[in-house]
């Protein structure tokens, strides 16, 4: 096995960029100007013939290191901006999905839901968060829901079944297909509810 301690190519490239930046005067208000001022003592040492060579070498090394940090900070800011933009796009897609998506805790309380789920349950997002989903289901579908959650928790599968969803007035709105998976964050479950085509509807909800 090689014992080489050479830096990775990405760090070498970063150092080359930093050294290139130092070949030009810093712009007014540049990010490494204050660091240069803090190293004034090295300039004083550089003025002495006894210490000038070592002092100048150290000064340059510190300057390169400072610029490396500045470049890393810039890349981190750019990466964060890209991730935030990607998250915003994903959230828009999630909220506009044509199926109802809900995040549930382990007691089947609603943690989050998209616009389709809000419309399905017939209330507002604020009013629905914190409520138990089984309060919107008739008794038979309530049992199916808890069976689905139990199966998902036991073996990590994605069980599915048919649920009858009740509106705020207690009347059955739709017989829907529900699929459950364990939330990868470990906070509960992710539930997707979608309409069942008329030709495939079965009045008895079964776990499958």
Protein backbone atom coordinates (compact mmCIF):
# COMPACT_ATOMS: atom_id res chain seq x y z
CA UNK A 1 0.00 0.00 0.00
CA UNK A 2 1.38 3.45 -0.88
CA UNK A 3 2.30 5.71 2.03
CA UNK A 4 2.06 8.88 -0.05
CA UNK A 5 0.45 11.85 1.70
CA UNK A 6 -0.01 13.96 -1.43
CA UNK A 7 -3.20 16.06 -1.33
CA UNK A 8 -6.18 14.98 -3.48
CA UNK A 9 -6.43 16.46 -6.96
CA UNK A 10 -9.35 18.69 -5.90
CA UNK A 11 -7.23 20.28 -3.13
CA UNK A 12 -4.27 20.69 -5.47
CA UNK A 13 -6.52 22.49 -7.94
CA UNK A 14 -7.88 24.69 -5.16
CA UNK A 15 -4.32 25.59 -4.10
CA UNK A 16 -3.40 26.44 -7.69
CA UNK A 17 -6.42 28.74 -7.91
CA UNK A 18 -5.44 30.39 -4.63
CA UNK A 19 -1.87 30.93 -5.81
CA UNK A 20 -3.20 32.38 -9.05
CA UNK A 21 -5.39 34.80 -7.12
CA UNK A 22 -2.40 36.02 -5.14
CA UNK A 23 -0.63 36.93 -8.37
CA UNK A 24 -2.96 39.94 -8.61
CA UNK A 25 -3.60 42.81 -6.18
CA UNK A 26 -6.55 42.32 -3.87
CA UNK A 27 -9.66 44.24 -4.87
CA UNK A 28 -10.91 46.96 -2.49
CA UNK A 29 -12.77 45.27 0.34
CA UNK A 30 -11.32 41.89 -0.69
CA UNK A 31 -12.02 38.99 1.60
CA UNK A 32 -8.38 38.38 2.50
CA UNK A 33 -7.33 42.00 3.09
CA UNK A 34 -7.94 41.90 6.82
CA UNK A 35 -5.93 38.67 7.13
CA UNK A 36 -2.99 40.36 5.39
CA UNK A 37 -3.15 43.24 7.87
CA UNK A 38 -3.11 40.78 10.78
CA UNK A 39 0.18 39.36 9.46
CA UNK A 40 2.03 42.67 9.58
CA UNK A 41 4.53 41.14 11.96
CA UNK A 42 5.68 38.81 9.24
CA UNK A 43 6.37 41.78 7.00
CA UNK A 44 8.54 43.19 9.75
CA UNK A 45 10.43 39.92 10.00
CA UNK A 46 10.80 39.92 6.24
CA UNK A 47 12.66 43.21 6.44
CA UNK A 48 15.47 41.55 8.41
CA UNK A 49 18.12 39.78 6.39
CA UNK A 50 18.37 37.11 9.08
CA UNK A 51 14.72 36.09 8.85
CA UNK A 52 13.56 37.42 5.49
CA UNK A 53 13.66 34.17 3.50
CA UNK A 54 11.73 32.10 6.05
CA UNK A 55 9.33 34.95 6.85
CA UNK A 56 8.44 35.56 3.22
CA UNK A 57 7.92 31.83 2.61
CA UNK A 58 5.64 31.59 5.64
CA UNK A 59 3.78 34.74 4.68
CA UNK A 60 3.07 33.40 1.21
CA UNK A 61 1.94 30.06 2.63
CA UNK A 62 -0.49 31.80 4.98
CA UNK A 63 -1.79 33.97 2.14
CA UNK A 64 -2.40 30.90 -0.01
CA UNK A 65 -4.17 29.20 2.87
CA UNK A 66 -6.40 32.22 3.43
CA UNK A 67 -7.40 32.34 -0.21
CA UNK A 68 -8.06 28.59 -0.17
CA UNK A 69 -10.48 29.15 2.71
CA UNK A 70 -12.15 31.99 0.82
CA UNK A 71 -12.58 29.80 -2.26
CA UNK A 72 -13.95 26.95 -0.16
CA UNK A 73 -16.44 29.33 1.47
CA UNK A 74 -17.55 30.57 -1.96
CA UNK A 75 -18.02 27.01 -3.22
CA UNK A 76 -20.02 26.14 -0.10
CA UNK A 77 -22.26 29.17 -0.62
CA UNK A 78 -22.83 28.19 -4.25
CA UNK A 79 -23.56 24.58 -3.28
CA UNK A 80 -26.00 25.71 -0.60
CA UNK A 81 -27.80 27.96 -3.07
CA UNK A 82 -28.08 25.09 -5.57
CA UNK A 83 -29.39 22.71 -2.90
CA UNK A 84 -31.94 25.24 -1.67
CA UNK A 85 -33.16 25.80 -5.23
CA UNK A 86 -33.43 22.04 -5.81
CA UNK A 87 -35.33 21.63 -2.52
CA UNK A 88 -37.73 24.41 -3.49
CA UNK A 89 -38.41 22.70 -6.83
CA UNK A 90 -39.02 19.37 -5.11
CA UNK A 91 -41.38 20.98 -2.61
CA UNK A 92 -43.34 22.57 -5.45
CA UNK A 93 -43.65 19.19 -7.16
CA UNK A 94 -44.65 17.52 -3.89
CA UNK A 95 -47.33 20.09 -3.15
CA UNK A 96 -48.69 20.00 -6.73
CA UNK A 97 -48.70 16.18 -7.00
CA UNK A 98 -52.05 14.79 -8.20
CA UNK A 99 -52.09 12.26 -5.33
CA UNK A 100 -52.49 12.97 -1.63
CA UNK A 101 -49.17 12.75 0.23
CA UNK A 102 -49.02 12.77 4.02
CA UNK A 103 -46.31 12.42 6.62
CA UNK A 104 -47.56 10.66 9.77
CA UNK A 105 -45.93 10.08 13.13
CA UNK A 106 -46.03 6.66 14.79
CA UNK A 107 -49.44 7.46 16.32
CA UNK A 108 -50.87 8.26 12.86
CA UNK A 109 -50.95 12.00 13.59
CA UNK A 110 -50.53 14.19 10.53
CA UNK A 111 -47.14 15.92 10.44
CA UNK A 112 -47.30 17.30 6.93
CA UNK A 113 -49.45 17.01 3.83
CA UNK A 114 -49.61 18.39 0.33
CA UNK A 115 -52.33 20.46 -1.30
CA UNK A 116 -54.11 17.40 -2.73
CA UNK A 117 -54.35 15.84 0.76
CA UNK A 118 -55.70 19.12 2.16
CA UNK A 119 -58.41 19.12 -0.51
CA UNK A 120 -59.21 15.44 0.10
CA UNK A 121 -59.67 15.88 3.85
CA UNK A 122 -61.66 19.06 3.40
CA UNK A 123 -59.96 21.49 5.77
CA UNK A 124 -56.88 23.72 5.97
CA UNK A 125 -53.28 22.61 6.27
CA UNK A 126 -52.95 24.33 9.65
CA UNK A 127 -56.09 22.69 11.02
CA UNK A 128 -55.14 19.22 9.77
CA UNK A 129 -51.57 19.08 11.08
CA UNK A 130 -51.58 17.36 14.46
CA UNK A 131 -54.86 15.51 13.89
CA UNK A 132 -54.96 11.72 13.74
CA UNK A 133 -55.62 10.46 10.24
CA UNK A 134 -57.82 7.66 11.56
CA UNK A 135 -60.34 10.31 12.67
CA UNK A 136 -61.11 10.78 8.94
CA UNK A 137 -61.75 7.07 8.36
CA UNK A 138 -64.71 4.81 9.13
CA UNK A 139 -63.98 1.91 11.54
CA UNK A 140 -63.24 -0.70 8.85
CA UNK A 141 -60.76 1.57 7.07
CA UNK A 142 -59.29 2.55 10.41
CA UNK A 143 -58.29 -1.07 10.96
CA UNK A 144 -56.84 -1.27 7.46
CA UNK A 145 -54.75 1.84 8.06
CA UNK A 146 -53.21 0.48 11.24
CA UNK A 147 -52.53 -2.86 9.55
CA UNK A 148 -50.71 -1.01 6.76
CA UNK A 149 -48.62 0.95 9.26
CA UNK A 150 -47.78 -2.21 11.20
CA UNK A 151 -46.70 -4.12 8.08
CA UNK A 152 -44.53 -1.21 6.92
CA UNK A 153 -42.89 -0.99 10.34
CA UNK A 154 -42.25 -4.74 10.63
CA UNK A 155 -40.46 -5.48 7.39
CA UNK A 156 -39.84 -2.15 5.65
CA UNK A 157 -42.19 -3.08 2.81
CA UNK A 158 -44.68 -0.77 1.08
CA UNK A 159 -48.05 -2.37 1.80
CA UNK A 160 -51.14 -1.01 0.10
CA UNK A 161 -54.86 -1.24 0.67
CA UNK A 162 -58.20 0.45 0.02
CA UNK A 163 -59.44 3.13 2.41
CA UNK A 164 -62.76 4.94 2.57
CA UNK A 165 -62.05 8.57 3.46
CA UNK A 166 -64.59 10.63 5.39
CA UNK A 167 -65.21 14.32 4.97
CA UNK A 168 -65.58 16.81 7.84
CA UNK A 169 -69.33 16.12 7.96
CA UNK A 170 -68.70 12.39 8.55
CA UNK A 171 -69.87 11.22 5.11
CA UNK A 172 -67.79 8.91 2.94
CA UNK A 173 -66.16 10.85 0.13
CA UNK A 174 -64.11 8.33 -1.81
CA UNK A 175 -62.73 4.84 -1.73
CA UNK A 176 -59.02 5.40 -2.25
CA UNK A 177 -55.88 3.33 -2.71
CA UNK A 178 -53.32 3.89 0.06
CA UNK A 179 -49.64 2.94 0.09
CA UNK A 180 -47.45 3.26 3.18
CA UNK A 181 -43.68 3.33 3.70
CA UNK A 182 -41.53 4.12 6.70
CA UNK A 183 -40.14 7.65 6.57
CA UNK A 184 -36.36 7.33 6.01
CA UNK A 185 -35.79 10.03 8.66
CA UNK A 186 -37.28 7.67 11.27
CA UNK A 187 -39.99 10.16 12.25
CA UNK A 188 -42.94 7.99 11.21
CA UNK A 189 -44.57 7.04 7.92
CA UNK A 190 -45.07 8.39 4.43
CA UNK A 191 -48.57 7.74 3.07
CA UNK A 192 -49.75 8.17 -0.51
CA UNK A 193 -53.50 8.12 -1.22
CA UNK A 194 -54.79 8.04 -4.79
CA UNK A 195 -58.14 7.45 -6.46
CA UNK A 196 -59.06 3.94 -7.51
CA UNK A 197 -60.35 3.69 -11.09
CA UNK A 198 -64.07 2.90 -11.15
CA UNK A 199 -63.56 -0.48 -12.81
CA UNK A 200 -61.13 -1.60 -10.11
CA UNK A 201 -63.02 -0.55 -7.02
CA UNK A 202 -63.74 -3.17 -4.41
CA UNK A 203 -65.94 -2.24 -1.48
CA UNK A 204 -63.88 -4.39 0.91
CA UNK A 205 -60.53 -2.84 1.82
CA UNK A 206 -57.76 -5.41 1.94
CA UNK A 207 -54.08 -5.22 2.72
CA UNK A 208 -51.80 -6.30 -0.12
